[in-house]
Amino acid sequence: MNRILLFTQLIIALQHIAWNGTIFIKLSKAHEPLAARILFMLDTISNEPIRTTKPLTIHSNRGTFYVVAKRIQRNKTLQEYISKLHQIRDADIARSQALIEAASLTSGNVVITREDEEPEMDDDGILDILVPLDGLVKYEMPRLLELSLPVWTVQRDNLRWMLQRKGALPVT
């Protein structure tokens, strides 16, 4: 998903969520730093452990999954995350505008690609504003693995089914 869109959606959701409200959001690639940081953030502001879920049928072969965060607390931590999300989104917008201007100046053409082909935009460590990666890995790895396991299980089972259907694996 386009990072600017994702952060804008998160900002709007967090600014307008009711006390003890619920956020249901679609993320992709649980193994990547962006998703891990968002999972950590949601786990931090939720009064209940967040849950991840992935449909067994539709998109079971894709990297997308859903997160349910219940009983969100409207407190200072939430406000700090909103401010950090604004910083990252604004930096991404500025970087995108600069890339578009540079492409326009050099070739006169601007090519917009599919979101799956979008280059990773964390070259400068800007996501560390939200949650520093080293701290995330050091202190939260067991929790991130726990949240990712249901997603990976559905993907593994889908891969097994696909390989069995094509005759590459015996049916069990």
N, C-alpha and C. Protein backbone atom coordinates (compact mmCIF):
# COMPACT_ATOMS: atom_id res chain seq x y z
N MET A 1 0.86 -1.18 0.00
CA MET A 1 0.00 0.00 0.00
C MET A 1 0.90 1.23 0.00
N ASN A 2 0.45 2.23 -0.67
CA ASN A 2 1.16 3.50 -0.69
C ASN A 2 1.33 4.01 0.74
N ARG A 3 2.55 4.31 1.11
CA ARG A 3 2.84 4.71 2.49
C ARG A 3 2.17 6.02 2.88
N ILE A 4 2.11 6.96 1.96
CA ILE A 4 1.46 8.24 2.25
C ILE A 4 -0.02 8.01 2.56
N LEU A 5 -0.66 7.18 1.76
CA LEU A 5 -2.07 6.86 1.99
C LEU A 5 -2.24 6.13 3.33
N LEU A 6 -1.39 5.16 3.60
CA LEU A 6 -1.47 4.41 4.86
C LEU A 6 -1.34 5.34 6.06
N PHE A 7 -0.35 6.22 6.05
CA PHE A 7 -0.16 7.13 7.19
C PHE A 7 -1.30 8.12 7.31
N THR A 8 -1.84 8.58 6.18
CA THR A 8 -2.98 9.49 6.23
C THR A 8 -4.18 8.79 6.85
N GLN A 9 -4.43 7.55 6.46
CA GLN A 9 -5.54 6.79 7.04
C GLN A 9 -5.34 6.59 8.54
N LEU A 10 -4.11 6.26 8.94
CA LEU A 10 -3.83 6.08 10.37
C LEU A 10 -4.03 7.37 11.15
N ILE A 11 -3.56 8.47 10.60
CA ILE A 11 -3.71 9.77 11.27
C ILE A 11 -5.19 10.09 11.47
N ILE A 12 -5.98 9.94 10.42
CA ILE A 12 -7.41 10.23 10.52
C ILE A 12 -8.07 9.30 11.54
N ALA A 13 -7.75 8.02 11.46
CA ALA A 13 -8.35 7.05 12.40
C ALA A 13 -7.98 7.38 13.84
N LEU A 14 -6.72 7.68 14.09
CA LEU A 14 -6.28 7.94 15.46
C LEU A 14 -6.81 9.28 15.98
N GLN A 15 -6.95 10.26 15.11
CA GLN A 15 -7.48 11.55 15.54
C GLN A 15 -8.96 11.47 15.91
N HIS A 16 -9.68 10.55 15.30
CA HIS A 16 -11.14 10.53 15.46
C HIS A 16 -11.67 9.31 16.20
N ILE A 17 -10.79 8.47 16.67
CA ILE A 17 -11.27 7.26 17.36
C ILE A 17 -11.88 7.63 18.72
N ALA A 18 -12.96 6.96 19.04
CA ALA A 18 -13.59 7.18 20.35
C ALA A 18 -12.74 6.52 21.44
N TRP A 19 -12.90 7.00 22.66
CA TRP A 19 -12.22 6.37 23.79
C TRP A 19 -12.65 4.90 23.82
N ASN A 20 -11.70 3.99 23.95
CA ASN A 20 -11.94 2.55 23.92
C ASN A 20 -12.49 2.06 22.58
N GLY A 21 -12.23 2.83 21.52
CA GLY A 21 -12.67 2.45 20.18
C GLY A 21 -11.83 1.33 19.59
N THR A 22 -12.21 0.90 18.40
CA THR A 22 -11.54 -0.20 17.70
C THR A 22 -11.03 0.27 16.34
N ILE A 23 -9.84 -0.17 15.99
CA ILE A 23 -9.29 0.08 14.66
C ILE A 23 -9.14 -1.26 13.97
N PHE A 24 -9.63 -1.32 12.73
CA PHE A 24 -9.49 -2.50 11.88
C PHE A 24 -8.77 -2.00 10.64
N ILE A 25 -7.55 -2.49 10.39
CA ILE A 25 -6.74 -1.95 9.30
C ILE A 25 -6.08 -3.08 8.52
N LYS A 26 -5.94 -2.85 7.23
CA LYS A 26 -5.27 -3.79 6.34
C LYS A 26 -3.81 -3.38 6.21
N LEU A 27 -2.91 -4.31 6.46
CA LEU A 27 -1.48 -4.08 6.27
C LEU A 27 -0.93 -5.12 5.32
N SER A 28 0.31 -4.96 4.95
CA SER A 28 0.93 -5.99 4.11
C SER A 28 2.33 -6.30 4.61
N LYS A 29 2.74 -7.51 4.30
CA LYS A 29 4.10 -7.97 4.57
C LYS A 29 4.48 -7.82 6.05
N ALA A 30 3.94 -8.69 6.86
CA ALA A 30 4.16 -8.65 8.31
C ALA A 30 5.64 -8.70 8.67
N HIS A 31 6.45 -9.22 7.79
CA HIS A 31 7.88 -9.38 8.07
C HIS A 31 8.70 -8.10 7.81
N GLU A 32 8.08 -7.09 7.24
CA GLU A 32 8.83 -5.88 6.91
C GLU A 32 8.77 -4.85 8.04
N PRO A 33 9.78 -3.99 8.14
CA PRO A 33 9.86 -3.02 9.23
C PRO A 33 8.66 -2.09 9.35
N LEU A 34 8.05 -1.69 8.24
CA LEU A 34 6.89 -0.78 8.32
C LEU A 34 5.74 -1.44 9.06
N ALA A 35 5.38 -2.65 8.65
CA ALA A 35 4.27 -3.36 9.31
C ALA A 35 4.61 -3.63 10.77
N ALA A 36 5.85 -4.01 11.05
CA ALA A 36 6.26 -4.29 12.43
C ALA A 36 6.10 -3.06 13.31
N ARG A 37 6.47 -1.91 12.79
CA ARG A 37 6.34 -0.68 13.56
C ARG A 37 4.88 -0.32 13.82
N ILE A 38 4.04 -0.52 12.82
CA ILE A 38 2.62 -0.21 13.01
C ILE A 38 1.98 -1.18 13.99
N LEU A 39 2.35 -2.45 13.91
CA LEU A 39 1.86 -3.44 14.88
C LEU A 39 2.28 -3.03 16.30
N PHE A 40 3.53 -2.64 16.45
CA PHE A 40 4.01 -2.22 17.77
C PHE A 40 3.23 -1.00 18.26
N MET A 41 3.05 -0.01 17.38
CA MET A 41 2.33 1.20 17.76
C MET A 41 0.91 0.86 18.22
N LEU A 42 0.20 0.05 17.43
CA LEU A 42 -1.17 -0.30 17.79
C LEU A 42 -1.22 -1.11 19.09
N ASP A 43 -0.26 -1.98 19.27
CA ASP A 43 -0.19 -2.78 20.51
C ASP A 43 0.04 -1.87 21.72
N THR A 44 0.79 -0.79 21.50
CA THR A 44 1.12 0.14 22.58
C THR A 44 -0.09 0.97 23.02
N ILE A 45 -0.95 1.34 22.08
CA ILE A 45 -2.06 2.23 22.42
C ILE A 45 -3.37 1.49 22.67
N SER A 46 -3.33 0.18 22.52
CA SER A 46 -4.53 -0.63 22.73
C SER A 46 -4.52 -1.19 24.15
N ASN A 47 -5.68 -1.20 24.78
CA ASN A 47 -5.80 -1.73 26.13
C ASN A 47 -6.01 -3.24 26.13
N GLU A 48 -6.14 -3.83 24.96
CA GLU A 48 -6.23 -5.28 24.80
C GLU A 48 -5.14 -5.68 23.82
N PRO A 49 -4.64 -6.91 23.92
CA PRO A 49 -3.66 -7.34 22.91
C PRO A 49 -4.28 -7.28 21.52
N ILE A 50 -3.56 -6.72 20.57
CA ILE A 50 -4.08 -6.66 19.21
C ILE A 50 -4.06 -8.06 18.61
N ARG A 51 -4.86 -8.24 17.56
CA ARG A 51 -4.92 -9.52 16.87
C ARG A 51 -4.68 -9.30 15.38
N THR A 52 -4.06 -10.28 14.76
CA THR A 52 -3.92 -10.28 13.31
C THR A 52 -4.77 -11.41 12.76
N THR A 53 -5.28 -11.20 11.57
CA THR A 53 -6.09 -12.23 10.93
C THR A 53 -5.88 -12.15 9.43
N LYS A 54 -6.04 -13.28 8.79
CA LYS A 54 -5.90 -13.34 7.34
C LYS A 54 -6.98 -14.28 6.82
N PRO A 55 -7.77 -13.83 5.82
CA PRO A 55 -8.80 -14.70 5.27
C PRO A 55 -8.21 -15.99 4.70
N LEU A 56 -8.91 -17.09 4.86
CA LEU A 56 -8.43 -18.38 4.37
C LEU A 56 -8.64 -18.54 2.87
N THR A 57 -9.55 -17.77 2.29
CA THR A 57 -9.84 -17.96 0.87
C THR A 57 -9.34 -16.79 0.04
N ILE A 58 -9.95 -15.65 0.17
CA ILE A 58 -9.58 -14.51 -0.68
C ILE A 58 -8.21 -13.95 -0.26
N HIS A 59 -7.34 -13.76 -1.21
CA HIS A 59 -6.01 -13.19 -0.99
C HIS A 59 -5.13 -14.02 -0.06
N SER A 60 -5.41 -15.30 0.08
CA SER A 60 -4.59 -16.11 0.99
C SER A 60 -3.16 -16.27 0.49
N ASN A 61 -2.94 -16.01 -0.78
CA ASN A 61 -1.59 -16.12 -1.34
C ASN A 61 -0.86 -14.78 -1.37
N ARG A 62 -1.49 -13.74 -0.90
CA ARG A 62 -0.87 -12.41 -0.90
C ARG A 62 -0.32 -12.06 0.48
N GLY A 63 0.49 -11.03 0.55
CA GLY A 63 1.11 -10.63 1.80
C GLY A 63 0.24 -9.77 2.70
N THR A 64 -1.01 -9.53 2.29
CA THR A 64 -1.87 -8.65 3.08
C THR A 64 -2.53 -9.41 4.22
N PHE A 65 -2.83 -8.67 5.27
CA PHE A 65 -3.50 -9.23 6.43
C PHE A 65 -4.21 -8.10 7.15
N TYR A 66 -5.02 -8.44 8.14
CA TYR A 66 -5.78 -7.43 8.87
C TYR A 66 -5.36 -7.42 10.33
N VAL A 67 -5.47 -6.24 10.92
CA VAL A 67 -5.15 -6.06 12.33
C VAL A 67 -6.38 -5.49 13.02
N VAL A 68 -6.70 -6.05 14.17
CA VAL A 68 -7.80 -5.56 14.99
C VAL A 68 -7.19 -5.06 16.30
N ALA A 69 -7.34 -3.78 16.56
CA ALA A 69 -6.86 -3.17 17.80
C ALA A 69 -8.07 -2.62 18.55
N LYS A 70 -8.35 -3.19 19.71
CA LYS A 70 -9.54 -2.79 20.49
C LYS A 70 -9.14 -1.97 21.70
N ARG A 71 -10.11 -1.19 22.17
CA ARG A 71 -9.96 -0.37 23.37
C ARG A 71 -8.76 0.57 23.27
N ILE A 72 -8.73 1.32 22.18
CA ILE A 72 -7.67 2.31 21.96
C ILE A 72 -7.79 3.41 23.02
N GLN A 73 -6.68 3.76 23.60
CA GLN A 73 -6.64 4.78 24.65
C GLN A 73 -6.26 6.13 24.05
N ARG A 74 -7.11 7.11 24.27
CA ARG A 74 -6.83 8.48 23.80
C ARG A 74 -6.03 9.17 24.89
N ASN A 75 -4.72 9.07 24.78
CA ASN A 75 -3.85 9.62 25.81
C ASN A 75 -2.64 10.30 25.16
N LYS A 76 -1.67 10.65 25.99
CA LYS A 76 -0.48 11.35 25.50
C LYS A 76 0.30 10.50 24.48
N THR A 77 0.39 9.21 24.72
CA THR A 77 1.10 8.32 23.80
C THR A 77 0.45 8.35 22.42
N LEU A 78 -0.88 8.30 22.38
CA LEU A 78 -1.60 8.37 21.11
C LEU A 78 -1.28 9.68 20.39
N GLN A 79 -1.31 10.79 21.12
CA GLN A 79 -1.02 12.10 20.52
C GLN A 79 0.41 12.15 19.97
N GLU A 80 1.35 11.53 20.68
CA GLU A 80 2.74 11.49 20.22
C GLU A 80 2.85 10.69 18.92
N TYR A 81 2.14 9.57 18.85
CA TYR A 81 2.17 8.78 17.62
C TYR A 81 1.54 9.55 16.45
N ILE A 82 0.46 10.27 16.69
CA ILE A 82 -0.16 11.08 15.63
C ILE A 82 0.85 12.10 15.11
N SER A 83 1.56 12.76 16.01
CA SER A 83 2.56 13.74 15.61
C SER A 83 3.68 13.09 14.80
N LYS A 84 4.13 11.92 15.22
CA LYS A 84 5.20 11.22 14.50
C LYS A 84 4.72 10.77 13.11
N LEU A 85 3.48 10.30 13.03
CA LEU A 85 2.94 9.90 11.73
C LEU A 85 2.86 11.09 10.78
N HIS A 86 2.48 12.26 11.31
CA HIS A 86 2.47 13.49 10.50
C HIS A 86 3.87 13.79 9.97
N GLN A 87 4.88 13.70 10.82
CA GLN A 87 6.25 13.98 10.40
C GLN A 87 6.68 13.07 9.26
N ILE A 88 6.42 11.78 9.41
CA ILE A 88 6.83 10.82 8.39
C ILE A 88 6.06 11.04 7.10
N ARG A 89 4.74 11.23 7.21
CA ARG A 89 3.93 11.44 6.02
C ARG A 89 4.37 12.70 5.28
N ASP A 90 4.61 13.78 6.01
CA ASP A 90 5.03 15.03 5.38
C ASP A 90 6.39 14.87 4.69
N ALA A 91 7.30 14.13 5.30
CA ALA A 91 8.60 13.87 4.67
C ALA A 91 8.43 13.03 3.41
N ASP A 92 7.54 12.04 3.46
CA ASP A 92 7.27 11.21 2.28
C ASP A 92 6.66 12.03 1.15
N ILE A 93 5.76 12.94 1.49
CA ILE A 93 5.15 13.80 0.47
C ILE A 93 6.22 14.67 -0.18
N ALA A 94 7.07 15.26 0.64
CA ALA A 94 8.14 16.11 0.10
C ALA A 94 9.08 15.30 -0.80
N ARG A 95 9.41 14.08 -0.38
CA ARG A 95 10.30 13.24 -1.18
C ARG A 95 9.62 12.85 -2.49
N SER A 96 8.34 12.51 -2.43
CA SER A 96 7.60 12.14 -3.65
C SER A 96 7.54 13.32 -4.62
N GLN A 97 7.27 14.52 -4.10
CA GLN A 97 7.23 15.71 -4.95
C GLN A 97 8.58 15.96 -5.61
N ALA A 98 9.66 15.77 -4.85
CA ALA A 98 11.00 15.97 -5.41
C ALA A 98 11.30 14.95 -6.51
N LEU A 99 10.88 13.70 -6.30
CA LEU A 99 11.10 12.66 -7.31
C LEU A 99 10.31 12.96 -8.59
N ILE A 100 9.09 13.41 -8.42
CA ILE A 100 8.25 13.75 -9.58
C ILE A 100 8.85 14.92 -10.33
N GLU A 101 9.30 15.94 -9.61
CA GLU A 101 9.92 17.10 -10.25
C GLU A 101 11.19 16.70 -10.98
N ALA A 102 12.01 15.86 -10.37
CA ALA A 102 13.26 15.43 -11.00
C ALA A 102 12.96 14.62 -12.27
N ALA A 103 11.99 13.71 -12.20
CA ALA A 103 11.64 12.91 -13.38
C ALA A 103 11.09 13.79 -14.48
N SER A 104 10.29 14.75 -14.11
CA SER A 104 9.71 15.66 -15.08
C SER A 104 10.77 16.50 -15.76
N LEU A 105 11.76 16.96 -15.00
CA LEU A 105 12.82 17.80 -15.56
C LEU A 105 13.76 17.01 -16.47
N THR A 106 14.05 15.76 -16.11
CA THR A 106 15.02 15.00 -16.90
C THR A 106 14.43 14.42 -18.17
N SER A 107 13.20 13.93 -18.10
CA SER A 107 12.64 13.26 -19.27
C SER A 107 11.37 13.92 -19.81
N GLY A 108 10.80 14.79 -19.02
CA GLY A 108 9.53 15.36 -19.43
C GLY A 108 8.36 14.44 -19.16
N ASN A 109 8.66 13.23 -18.66
CA ASN A 109 7.62 12.23 -18.39
C ASN A 109 7.67 11.82 -16.92
N VAL A 110 6.52 11.56 -16.38
CA VAL A 110 6.43 11.03 -15.02
C VAL A 110 5.68 9.71 -15.13
N VAL A 111 6.29 8.65 -14.64
CA VAL A 111 5.68 7.33 -14.71
C VAL A 111 5.22 6.94 -13.32
N ILE A 112 3.96 6.62 -13.18
CA ILE A 112 3.42 6.16 -11.91
C ILE A 112 3.32 4.65 -11.99
N THR A 113 3.91 3.95 -11.02
CA THR A 113 3.91 2.49 -11.04
C THR A 113 2.85 1.94 -10.10
N ARG A 114 2.60 0.65 -10.21
CA ARG A 114 1.71 -0.03 -9.28
C ARG A 114 2.33 0.01 -7.90
N GLU A 115 1.50 -0.05 -6.86
CA GLU A 115 2.01 0.04 -5.50
C GLU A 115 2.93 -1.12 -5.16
N ASP A 116 2.75 -2.30 -5.79
CA ASP A 116 3.64 -3.44 -5.52
C ASP A 116 5.06 -3.16 -5.99
N GLU A 117 5.19 -2.27 -6.98
CA GLU A 117 6.50 -1.97 -7.54
C GLU A 117 7.11 -0.72 -6.89
N GLU A 118 6.41 -0.16 -5.94
CA GLU A 118 6.86 1.06 -5.30
C GLU A 118 8.18 0.84 -4.57
N PRO A 119 9.17 1.70 -4.76
CA PRO A 119 10.44 1.50 -4.07
C PRO A 119 10.29 1.73 -2.56
N GLU A 120 11.07 1.02 -1.80
CA GLU A 120 11.07 1.21 -0.34
C GLU A 120 11.54 2.62 -0.06
N MET A 121 10.82 3.34 0.79
CA MET A 121 11.13 4.74 1.03
C MET A 121 11.79 4.97 2.38
N ASP A 122 12.46 3.97 2.93
CA ASP A 122 13.07 4.16 4.24
C ASP A 122 14.59 4.23 4.15
N ASP A 123 15.11 4.78 3.05
CA ASP A 123 16.56 4.86 2.88
C ASP A 123 17.21 5.69 3.98
N ASP A 124 16.52 6.69 4.45
CA ASP A 124 17.11 7.61 5.42
C ASP A 124 16.72 7.31 6.86
N GLY A 125 16.07 6.19 7.12
CA GLY A 125 15.70 5.82 8.48
C GLY A 125 14.56 6.64 9.06
N ILE A 126 13.75 7.25 8.21
CA ILE A 126 12.68 8.12 8.71
C ILE A 126 11.68 7.37 9.57
N LEU A 127 11.49 6.08 9.33
CA LEU A 127 10.54 5.31 10.13
C LEU A 127 11.00 5.15 11.58
N ASP A 128 12.28 5.39 11.82
CA ASP A 128 12.78 5.34 13.21
C ASP A 128 12.12 6.41 14.07
N ILE A 129 11.55 7.44 13.44
CA ILE A 129 10.81 8.45 14.20
C ILE A 129 9.64 7.78 14.92
N LEU A 130 8.98 6.86 14.23
CA LEU A 130 7.82 6.17 14.81
C LEU A 130 8.25 5.20 15.91
N VAL A 131 9.09 4.26 15.55
CA VAL A 131 9.65 3.28 16.49
C VAL A 131 11.04 2.92 15.96
N PRO A 132 12.09 3.16 16.74
CA PRO A 132 13.43 2.79 16.27
C PRO A 132 13.53 1.28 16.03
N LEU A 133 14.05 0.91 14.87
CA LEU A 133 14.11 -0.50 14.49
C LEU A 133 14.94 -1.33 15.46
N ASP A 134 16.05 -0.79 15.94
CA ASP A 134 16.89 -1.59 16.85
C ASP A 134 16.15 -1.90 18.15
N GLY A 135 15.40 -0.94 18.66
CA GLY A 135 14.61 -1.18 19.87
C GLY A 135 13.48 -2.15 19.61
N LEU A 136 12.88 -2.04 18.45
CA LEU A 136 11.79 -2.93 18.07
C LEU A 136 12.28 -4.38 18.02
N VAL A 137 13.40 -4.60 17.38
CA VAL A 137 13.96 -5.94 17.25
C VAL A 137 14.40 -6.47 18.61
N LYS A 138 15.04 -5.62 19.37
CA LYS A 138 15.61 -6.05 20.65
C LYS A 138 14.54 -6.42 21.68
N TYR A 139 13.48 -5.63 21.77
CA TYR A 139 12.52 -5.82 22.85
C TYR A 139 11.19 -6.45 22.43
N GLU A 140 10.83 -6.37 21.17
CA GLU A 140 9.49 -6.80 20.76
C GLU A 140 9.44 -7.97 19.79
N MET A 141 10.57 -8.60 19.49
CA MET A 141 10.58 -9.67 18.50
C MET A 141 9.63 -10.82 18.84
N PRO A 142 9.58 -11.32 20.08
CA PRO A 142 8.64 -12.42 20.35
C PRO A 142 7.18 -12.02 20.07
N ARG A 143 6.80 -10.82 20.42
CA ARG A 143 5.43 -10.36 20.18
C ARG A 143 5.16 -10.22 18.69
N LEU A 144 6.11 -9.69 17.94
CA LEU A 144 5.93 -9.55 16.49
C LEU A 144 5.81 -10.90 15.82
N LEU A 145 6.58 -11.87 16.28
CA LEU A 145 6.47 -13.22 15.73
C LEU A 145 5.11 -13.82 16.05
N GLU A 146 4.63 -13.59 17.26
CA GLU A 146 3.31 -14.08 17.67
C GLU A 146 2.21 -13.49 16.79
N LEU A 147 2.32 -12.21 16.46
CA LEU A 147 1.32 -11.55 15.62
C LEU A 147 1.42 -11.99 14.15
N SER A 148 2.62 -12.31 13.71
CA SER A 148 2.83 -12.68 12.31
C SER A 148 2.49 -14.14 12.02
N LEU A 149 2.58 -14.99 13.01
CA LEU A 149 2.38 -16.42 12.80
C LEU A 149 1.03 -16.77 12.16
N PRO A 150 -0.11 -16.19 12.60
CA PRO A 150 -1.38 -16.53 11.93
C PRO A 150 -1.38 -16.17 10.44
N VAL A 151 -0.72 -15.08 10.09
CA VAL A 151 -0.65 -14.65 8.69
C VAL A 151 0.17 -15.66 7.89
N TRP A 152 1.34 -16.01 8.42
CA TRP A 152 2.23 -16.93 7.73
C TRP A 152 1.63 -18.34 7.63
N THR A 153 0.86 -18.73 8.62
CA THR A 153 0.22 -20.06 8.60
C THR A 153 -0.76 -20.16 7.43
N VAL A 154 -1.57 -19.13 7.23
CA VAL A 154 -2.51 -19.13 6.10
C VAL A 154 -1.75 -19.16 4.78
N GLN A 155 -0.67 -18.38 4.68
CA GLN A 155 0.11 -18.36 3.45
C GLN A 155 0.78 -19.71 3.19
N ARG A 156 1.30 -20.34 4.24
CA ARG A 156 1.93 -21.66 4.11
C ARG A 156 0.91 -22.69 3.63
N ASP A 157 -0.28 -22.68 4.25
CA ASP A 157 -1.31 -23.64 3.88
C ASP A 157 -1.77 -23.42 2.44
N ASN A 158 -1.87 -22.18 2.02
CA ASN A 158 -2.25 -21.88 0.64
C ASN A 158 -1.19 -22.38 -0.33
N LEU A 159 0.08 -22.19 0.01
CA LEU A 159 1.16 -22.66 -0.85
C LEU A 159 1.11 -24.19 -0.95
N ARG A 160 0.90 -24.86 0.17
CA ARG A 160 0.80 -26.32 0.16
C ARG A 160 -0.36 -26.76 -0.75
N TRP A 161 -1.52 -26.13 -0.60
CA TRP A 161 -2.69 -26.47 -1.40
C TRP A 161 -2.40 -26.27 -2.89
N MET A 162 -1.76 -25.14 -3.23
CA MET A 162 -1.45 -24.84 -4.62
C MET A 162 -0.50 -25.89 -5.20
N LEU A 163 0.53 -26.26 -4.45
CA LEU A 163 1.49 -27.25 -4.92
C LEU A 163 0.85 -28.63 -5.06
N GLN A 164 -0.08 -28.97 -4.15
CA GLN A 164 -0.79 -30.24 -4.25
C GLN A 164 -1.69 -30.25 -5.49
N ARG A 165 -2.35 -29.13 -5.74
CA ARG A 165 -3.23 -29.01 -6.90
C ARG A 165 -2.47 -29.18 -8.21
N LYS A 166 -1.23 -28.72 -8.23
CA LYS A 166 -0.40 -28.83 -9.45
C LYS A 166 0.36 -30.14 -9.51
N GLY A 167 0.19 -31.00 -8.49
CA GLY A 167 0.83 -32.30 -8.48
C GLY A 167 2.27 -32.28 -8.01
N ALA A 168 2.75 -31.16 -7.51
CA ALA A 168 4.14 -31.07 -7.04
C ALA A 168 4.31 -31.62 -5.62
N LEU A 169 3.23 -31.78 -4.89
CA LEU A 169 3.24 -32.35 -3.53
C LEU A 169 2.14 -33.39 -3.44
N PRO A 170 2.38 -34.46 -2.69
CA PRO A 170 1.31 -35.44 -2.51
C PRO A 170 0.20 -34.85 -1.65
N VAL A 171 -1.02 -35.25 -1.91
CA VAL A 171 -2.16 -34.81 -1.13
C VAL A 171 -2.15 -35.55 0.20
N THR A 172 -2.26 -34.79 1.30
CA THR A 172 -2.22 -35.45 2.63
C THR A 172 -3.58 -35.38 3.29
